[in-house]
Amino acid sequence: MFHLISTGKNNYQVAQVILERNPTLGQHHISPEVLRIAGYMHDFGKMGYGVKELGLDYAEDWHSLTSALAVLEQGDEWGIVRGGFLLQRYQFLQQVARCIPSDLTTLEEGGPNFPETAKYKITPKFVSEVDFLNLKLSAPIDSLTPPTGPLSFQQLTTPKTLEQKIAVWGDLVNLEGEQISVEDRFAEIVKRRGEYAEKAKVAGKQAETKYHTEHAKIIASPEFRARIFPVIEFIDQLAGRTEPEKWLNCQLEMAKGDTENFEYHVRLPEGFEHNPTIKSDGRSFRDGEWLPHRQGNWSKPD
């Protein structure tokens, strides 16, 4: 849990620093709030979301995909974002979910021709849910963005956007809240996964053994590192981490901020707030239809 909170905080801080250093990027390209919630939720699938329903063997298998599904399917009900209208909340959750599937090793775990080359157990229902992600995360988040076709598995799991790159960075440069080098983080992951694999093997847990073994193997591979290191270096440069003194000053300034910025629930842009006196039917959007969901009490203030 602490890793999720610290990743969200890292994401938020580095996004703020990048915007301060590169004001022309604007919040259209980077939303610190989106990245903060993505950090909180990026490993949520490890807690078991969707494992039984999707017929998976182990919670950590495909956890970045099940985490993104959790955001899209349950995020509004859980109150991950509060305020505004349902469509606005869904669009925000869509942005959050887009930052998650490209986290770390999912691309390699799916192989070059997912689902045929998947390294872990898959089921038809799980493949259908991945197709759902490919479709929903390719949909435009506003009326100004032209629609595109469904994403491929490679597109879904590759950090292409600036927000996706920041999300990968935020996960990799922190260990239990302490910032470390990516090389040290990789070494820590390989060591820890190796130890987990040995324990799982002794306990006769085949699915767990396979996951930890494969994960360590991918992290240790030159091909994976050649893919990830440029992402980390790019964010380091944008944030000024290549200039240690300036980066330290930015970190100290950010640390003075209101700690309420790091609570779990995020506020939508100014002009939207919770109005408990007005009720309307809440609905969720999926597969092209608005479905009855639950009662909400959100409205735009006068």
Protein backbone atom coordinates (compact mmCIF):
# COMPACT_ATOMS: atom_id res chain seq x y z
CA MET A 1 0.00 0.00 0.00
CA PHE A 2 2.79 2.44 0.88
CA HIS A 3 4.35 1.86 -2.55
CA LEU A 4 1.09 2.91 -4.21
CA ILE A 5 0.86 6.12 -2.19
CA SER A 6 4.50 7.05 -2.74
CA THR A 7 4.22 6.32 -6.48
CA GLY A 8 1.20 8.62 -6.69
CA LYS A 9 3.09 11.32 -4.83
CA ASN A 10 6.14 10.89 -7.07
CA ASN A 11 3.98 11.12 -10.19
CA TYR A 12 2.24 14.26 -8.94
CA GLN A 13 5.46 16.00 -7.95
CA VAL A 14 7.42 15.28 -11.11
CA ALA A 15 4.45 16.32 -13.27
CA GLN A 16 4.27 19.64 -11.42
CA VAL A 17 8.01 20.17 -11.84
CA ILE A 18 7.86 19.34 -15.56
CA LEU A 19 5.00 21.82 -16.05
CA GLU A 20 6.93 24.52 -14.18
CA ARG A 21 10.03 23.93 -16.29
CA ASN A 22 8.11 23.45 -19.57
CA PRO A 23 5.00 25.68 -19.33
CA THR A 24 4.17 25.32 -23.03
CA LEU A 25 3.25 21.68 -22.44
CA GLY A 26 0.15 22.77 -20.55
CA GLN A 27 -2.23 20.53 -18.65
CA HIS A 28 -3.70 19.24 -21.90
CA HIS A 29 -0.61 17.04 -22.15
CA ILE A 30 0.05 16.36 -18.46
CA SER A 31 -2.41 16.24 -15.57
CA PRO A 32 -0.71 15.88 -12.18
CA GLU A 33 -4.03 14.75 -10.68
CA VAL A 34 -4.49 12.00 -13.28
CA LEU A 35 -0.96 10.80 -12.62
CA ARG A 36 -1.42 10.88 -8.86
CA ILE A 37 -4.47 8.60 -9.02
CA ALA A 38 -2.75 6.35 -11.58
CA GLY A 39 0.07 5.91 -9.07
CA TYR A 40 -2.39 4.97 -6.35
CA MET A 41 -4.09 2.40 -8.59
CA HIS A 42 -1.29 0.96 -10.75
CA ASP A 43 -0.81 -2.22 -8.68
CA PHE A 44 -4.37 -2.53 -7.44
CA GLY A 45 -4.85 -5.73 -9.46
CA LYS A 46 -2.31 -7.45 -7.22
CA MET A 47 -4.93 -7.37 -4.47
CA GLY A 48 -7.01 -9.85 -6.46
CA TYR A 49 -9.38 -7.70 -8.50
CA GLY A 50 -11.00 -9.84 -11.22
CA VAL A 51 -8.94 -12.97 -10.56
CA LYS A 52 -11.86 -15.32 -9.88
CA GLU A 53 -14.23 -13.65 -12.33
CA LEU A 54 -11.68 -13.82 -15.16
CA GLY A 55 -10.44 -17.32 -14.33
CA LEU A 56 -6.84 -16.28 -13.69
CA ASP A 57 -4.45 -18.36 -11.60
CA TYR A 58 -2.59 -15.66 -9.67
CA ALA A 59 -3.39 -12.05 -8.73
CA GLU A 60 -0.08 -10.64 -9.98
CA ASP A 61 -0.55 -12.15 -13.45
CA TRP A 62 -1.68 -9.30 -15.73
CA HIS A 63 -2.13 -7.01 -12.72
CA SER A 64 -1.58 -3.80 -14.70
CA LEU A 65 -4.47 -4.80 -16.97
CA THR A 66 -6.79 -5.76 -14.12
CA SER A 67 -5.84 -2.52 -12.35
CA ALA A 68 -6.91 -0.50 -15.41
CA LEU A 69 -10.13 -2.52 -15.60
CA ALA A 70 -10.82 -1.77 -11.94
CA VAL A 71 -10.47 1.97 -12.59
CA LEU A 72 -12.86 1.90 -15.56
CA GLU A 73 -15.41 -0.54 -14.17
CA GLN A 74 -15.53 0.43 -10.50
CA GLY A 75 -13.78 3.77 -10.21
CA ASP A 76 -16.94 5.87 -10.13
CA GLU A 77 -18.68 3.60 -7.62
CA TRP A 78 -15.62 3.61 -5.39
CA GLY A 79 -15.49 7.40 -5.51
CA ILE A 80 -11.97 7.60 -6.93
CA VAL A 81 -12.99 10.92 -8.44
CA ARG A 82 -15.69 13.18 -7.04
CA GLY A 83 -17.59 16.08 -8.54
CA GLY A 84 -18.92 17.17 -11.91
CA PHE A 85 -21.17 15.02 -14.08
CA LEU A 86 -20.89 11.29 -14.69
CA LEU A 87 -19.45 11.69 -18.20
CA GLN A 88 -16.75 14.03 -16.89
CA ARG A 89 -15.85 11.59 -14.14
CA TYR A 90 -15.71 8.74 -16.66
CA GLN A 91 -13.42 10.76 -18.95
CA PHE A 92 -11.11 11.44 -16.00
CA LEU A 93 -11.05 7.73 -15.08
CA GLN A 94 -10.36 6.93 -18.72
CA GLN A 95 -7.26 9.15 -18.56
CA VAL A 96 -6.15 7.44 -15.35
CA ALA A 97 -6.65 3.96 -16.82
CA ARG A 98 -4.59 4.90 -19.90
CA CYS A 99 -1.52 5.38 -17.70
CA ILE A 100 -1.61 1.90 -16.16
CA PRO A 101 -1.33 -0.95 -18.75
CA SER A 102 2.05 0.28 -20.04
CA ASP A 103 3.56 -0.10 -16.56
CA LEU A 104 6.76 -2.15 -16.55
CA THR A 105 6.71 -5.70 -18.03
CA THR A 106 3.19 -6.25 -19.40
CA LEU A 107 4.37 -5.84 -23.01
CA GLU A 108 6.95 -8.63 -22.66
CA GLU A 109 4.54 -10.84 -20.71
CA GLY A 110 2.01 -10.65 -23.53
CA GLY A 111 4.62 -11.43 -26.17
CA PRO A 112 4.66 -10.33 -29.80
CA ASN A 113 1.31 -11.92 -30.68
CA PHE A 114 -1.00 -11.77 -27.65
CA PRO A 115 -2.96 -13.86 -26.69
CA GLU A 116 -1.13 -16.73 -28.45
CA THR A 117 2.23 -15.74 -26.96
CA ALA A 118 1.00 -14.94 -23.42
CA LYS A 119 3.39 -16.10 -20.69
CA TYR A 120 0.66 -16.65 -18.07
CA LYS A 121 -2.71 -18.33 -18.06
CA ILE A 122 -5.45 -16.55 -19.99
CA THR A 123 -9.12 -17.30 -20.50
CA PRO A 124 -11.62 -16.23 -23.18
CA LYS A 125 -13.26 -13.92 -20.66
CA PHE A 126 -9.94 -12.28 -19.84
CA VAL A 127 -9.12 -11.80 -23.53
CA SER A 128 -12.56 -10.21 -23.96
CA GLU A 129 -11.79 -7.79 -21.13
CA VAL A 130 -8.45 -6.89 -22.73
CA ASP A 131 -10.35 -6.18 -25.96
CA PHE A 132 -12.66 -3.96 -23.89
CA LEU A 133 -9.61 -2.03 -22.65
CA ASN A 134 -8.22 -1.76 -26.18
CA LEU A 135 -11.52 -0.25 -27.31
CA LYS A 136 -12.29 2.07 -24.39
CA LEU A 137 -8.77 3.42 -24.01
CA SER A 138 -8.62 4.26 -27.71
CA ALA A 139 -11.83 6.31 -27.46
CA PRO A 140 -11.40 10.12 -27.52
CA ILE A 141 -11.63 11.79 -24.11
CA ASP A 142 -13.25 14.94 -25.51
CA SER A 143 -15.12 16.17 -28.58
CA LEU A 144 -11.98 17.77 -30.04
CA THR A 145 -9.98 14.53 -30.21
CA PRO A 146 -10.52 12.50 -33.42
CA PRO A 147 -11.53 8.86 -32.88
CA THR A 148 -9.09 6.07 -33.67
CA GLY A 149 -9.49 2.33 -34.06
CA PRO A 150 -9.04 -0.10 -31.14
CA LEU A 151 -5.52 -0.27 -29.76
CA SER A 152 -3.37 -3.32 -30.35
CA PHE A 153 -1.95 -5.12 -27.31
CA GLN A 154 1.46 -3.60 -28.11
CA GLN A 155 0.00 -0.09 -28.26
CA LEU A 156 -1.93 -0.65 -25.03
CA THR A 157 1.15 -1.77 -23.12
CA THR A 158 3.81 0.61 -24.51
CA PRO A 159 4.38 3.99 -22.80
CA LYS A 160 3.91 6.38 -25.72
CA THR A 161 2.32 9.46 -24.15
CA LEU A 162 4.07 11.79 -21.76
CA GLU A 163 1.71 10.79 -18.95
CA GLN A 164 2.41 7.11 -19.55
CA LYS A 165 6.15 7.74 -19.43
CA ILE A 166 5.82 9.66 -16.16
CA ALA A 167 3.80 6.78 -14.70
CA VAL A 168 6.59 4.31 -15.52
CA TRP A 169 9.16 6.72 -14.07
CA GLY A 170 7.21 7.20 -10.84
CA ASP A 171 6.99 3.46 -10.25
CA LEU A 172 10.65 2.74 -10.93
CA VAL A 173 12.45 5.51 -9.06
CA ASN A 174 10.89 4.76 -5.68
CA LEU A 175 11.28 1.91 -3.22
CA GLU A 176 9.03 2.13 -0.16
CA GLY A 177 8.95 5.90 -0.50
CA GLU A 178 12.70 6.37 -0.94
CA GLN A 179 13.98 7.54 -4.31
CA ILE A 180 16.63 5.25 -5.77
CA SER A 181 18.34 4.81 -9.13
CA VAL A 182 16.65 2.67 -11.74
CA GLU A 183 19.66 0.33 -11.77
CA ASP A 184 19.26 -0.27 -8.03
CA ARG A 185 15.50 -0.71 -8.43
CA PHE A 186 16.01 -3.33 -11.13
CA ALA A 187 18.54 -5.17 -8.96
CA GLU A 188 16.11 -5.09 -6.02
CA ILE A 189 13.25 -6.46 -8.16
CA VAL A 190 15.33 -9.30 -9.60
CA LYS A 191 16.58 -10.29 -6.13
CA ARG A 192 13.13 -10.09 -4.52
CA ARG A 193 11.38 -11.98 -7.31
CA GLY A 194 14.03 -14.68 -7.19
CA GLU A 195 13.43 -15.13 -3.48
CA TYR A 196 9.65 -15.21 -3.97
CA ALA A 197 10.01 -17.80 -6.73
CA GLU A 198 12.06 -20.09 -4.48
CA LYS A 199 9.51 -19.86 -1.66
CA ALA A 200 6.61 -20.47 -4.03
CA LYS A 201 8.39 -23.46 -5.55
CA VAL A 202 8.95 -25.03 -2.13
CA ALA A 203 5.26 -24.46 -1.32
CA GLY A 204 4.23 -26.12 -4.58
CA LYS A 205 2.57 -22.96 -5.95
CA GLN A 206 3.22 -23.33 -9.66
CA ALA A 207 1.47 -20.19 -10.90
CA GLU A 208 3.29 -17.99 -8.38
CA THR A 209 6.62 -19.65 -9.18
CA LYS A 210 6.11 -19.01 -12.89
CA TYR A 211 5.15 -15.35 -12.42
CA HIS A 212 8.08 -14.43 -10.18
CA THR A 213 10.55 -16.36 -12.34
CA GLU A 214 9.36 -14.78 -15.58
CA HIS A 215 9.19 -11.30 -14.05
CA ALA A 216 12.77 -11.49 -12.81
CA LYS A 217 13.95 -12.84 -16.15
CA ILE A 218 12.31 -9.97 -18.06
CA ILE A 219 13.67 -7.28 -15.72
CA ALA A 220 17.19 -8.72 -16.06
CA SER A 221 17.06 -8.89 -19.86
CA PRO A 222 19.06 -6.39 -21.97
CA GLU A 223 16.07 -5.98 -24.32
CA PHE A 224 13.77 -4.81 -21.52
CA ARG A 225 16.35 -2.39 -20.16
CA ALA A 226 16.99 -0.99 -23.62
CA ARG A 227 13.26 -0.25 -23.85
CA ILE A 228 12.85 1.30 -20.39
CA PHE A 229 16.06 3.30 -19.83
CA PRO A 230 15.29 5.89 -22.55
CA VAL A 231 11.89 6.51 -20.92
CA ILE A 232 13.50 7.19 -17.53
CA GLU A 233 16.23 9.38 -19.03
CA PHE A 234 13.65 11.40 -20.97
CA ILE A 235 11.62 12.19 -17.84
CA ASP A 236 14.81 12.92 -15.87
CA GLN A 237 15.77 15.50 -18.47
CA LEU A 238 12.33 17.12 -18.59
CA ALA A 239 12.25 17.36 -14.78
CA GLY A 240 15.82 18.60 -14.47
CA ARG A 241 17.02 15.57 -12.55
CA THR A 242 20.18 15.76 -14.63
CA GLU A 243 20.86 18.94 -12.62
CA PRO A 244 20.89 17.60 -9.02
CA GLU A 245 20.93 20.96 -7.22
CA LYS A 246 17.90 22.30 -9.11
CA TRP A 247 16.05 19.01 -8.67
CA LEU A 248 16.66 19.03 -4.92
CA ASN A 249 15.32 22.58 -4.65
CA CYS A 250 12.19 21.56 -6.55
CA GLN A 251 11.69 18.59 -4.24
CA LEU A 252 12.05 20.79 -1.15
CA GLU A 253 9.51 23.28 -2.51
CA MET A 254 7.05 20.50 -3.32
CA ALA A 255 7.47 19.05 0.17
CA LYS A 256 6.13 22.30 1.62
CA GLY A 257 2.81 21.79 -0.19
CA ASP A 258 -0.47 21.04 1.54
CA THR A 259 -0.56 17.35 2.45
CA GLU A 260 -4.23 17.30 1.44
CA ASN A 261 -2.96 17.20 -2.14
CA PHE A 262 -2.13 13.57 -1.49
CA GLU A 263 -5.46 12.33 -0.18
CA TYR A 264 -7.10 9.49 -2.08
CA HIS A 265 -9.99 11.37 -3.64
CA VAL A 266 -9.27 13.93 -6.31
CA ARG A 267 -11.21 17.08 -7.08
CA LEU A 268 -12.23 17.88 -10.63
CA PRO A 269 -11.39 21.31 -12.09
CA GLU A 270 -12.75 24.38 -10.33
CA GLY A 271 -16.44 24.96 -10.98
CA PHE A 272 -17.59 21.48 -10.01
CA GLU A 273 -18.40 20.46 -6.51
CA HIS A 274 -20.46 18.08 -4.43
CA ASN A 275 -24.04 19.32 -3.97
CA PRO A 276 -25.88 17.06 -1.51
CA THR A 277 -29.25 18.73 -2.10
CA ILE A 278 -29.70 17.60 -5.71
CA LYS A 279 -29.97 13.95 -6.76
CA SER A 280 -29.78 12.41 -10.20
CA ASP A 281 -29.52 8.89 -11.53
CA GLY A 282 -25.92 7.74 -11.94
CA ARG A 283 -25.13 5.58 -14.95
CA SER A 284 -22.01 3.86 -16.29
CA PHE A 285 -20.90 3.72 -19.92
CA ARG A 286 -19.81 0.43 -21.46
CA ASP A 287 -19.95 -1.19 -24.88
CA GLY A 288 -21.73 1.76 -26.43
CA GLU A 289 -24.65 1.91 -23.99
CA TRP A 290 -25.53 3.87 -20.88
CA LEU A 291 -26.42 1.36 -18.18
CA PRO A 292 -28.26 1.94 -14.87
CA HIS A 293 -25.62 2.09 -12.20
CA ARG A 294 -26.41 3.73 -8.87
CA GLN A 295 -27.85 6.91 -7.45
CA GLY A 296 -25.50 9.83 -7.26
CA ASN A 297 -25.82 13.32 -5.84
CA TRP A 298 -23.48 15.34 -8.00
CA SER A 299 -24.33 18.48 -9.90
CA LYS A 300 -22.79 21.57 -11.38
CA PRO A 301 -23.24 24.49 -8.96
CA ASP A 302 -25.05 27.65 -9.98
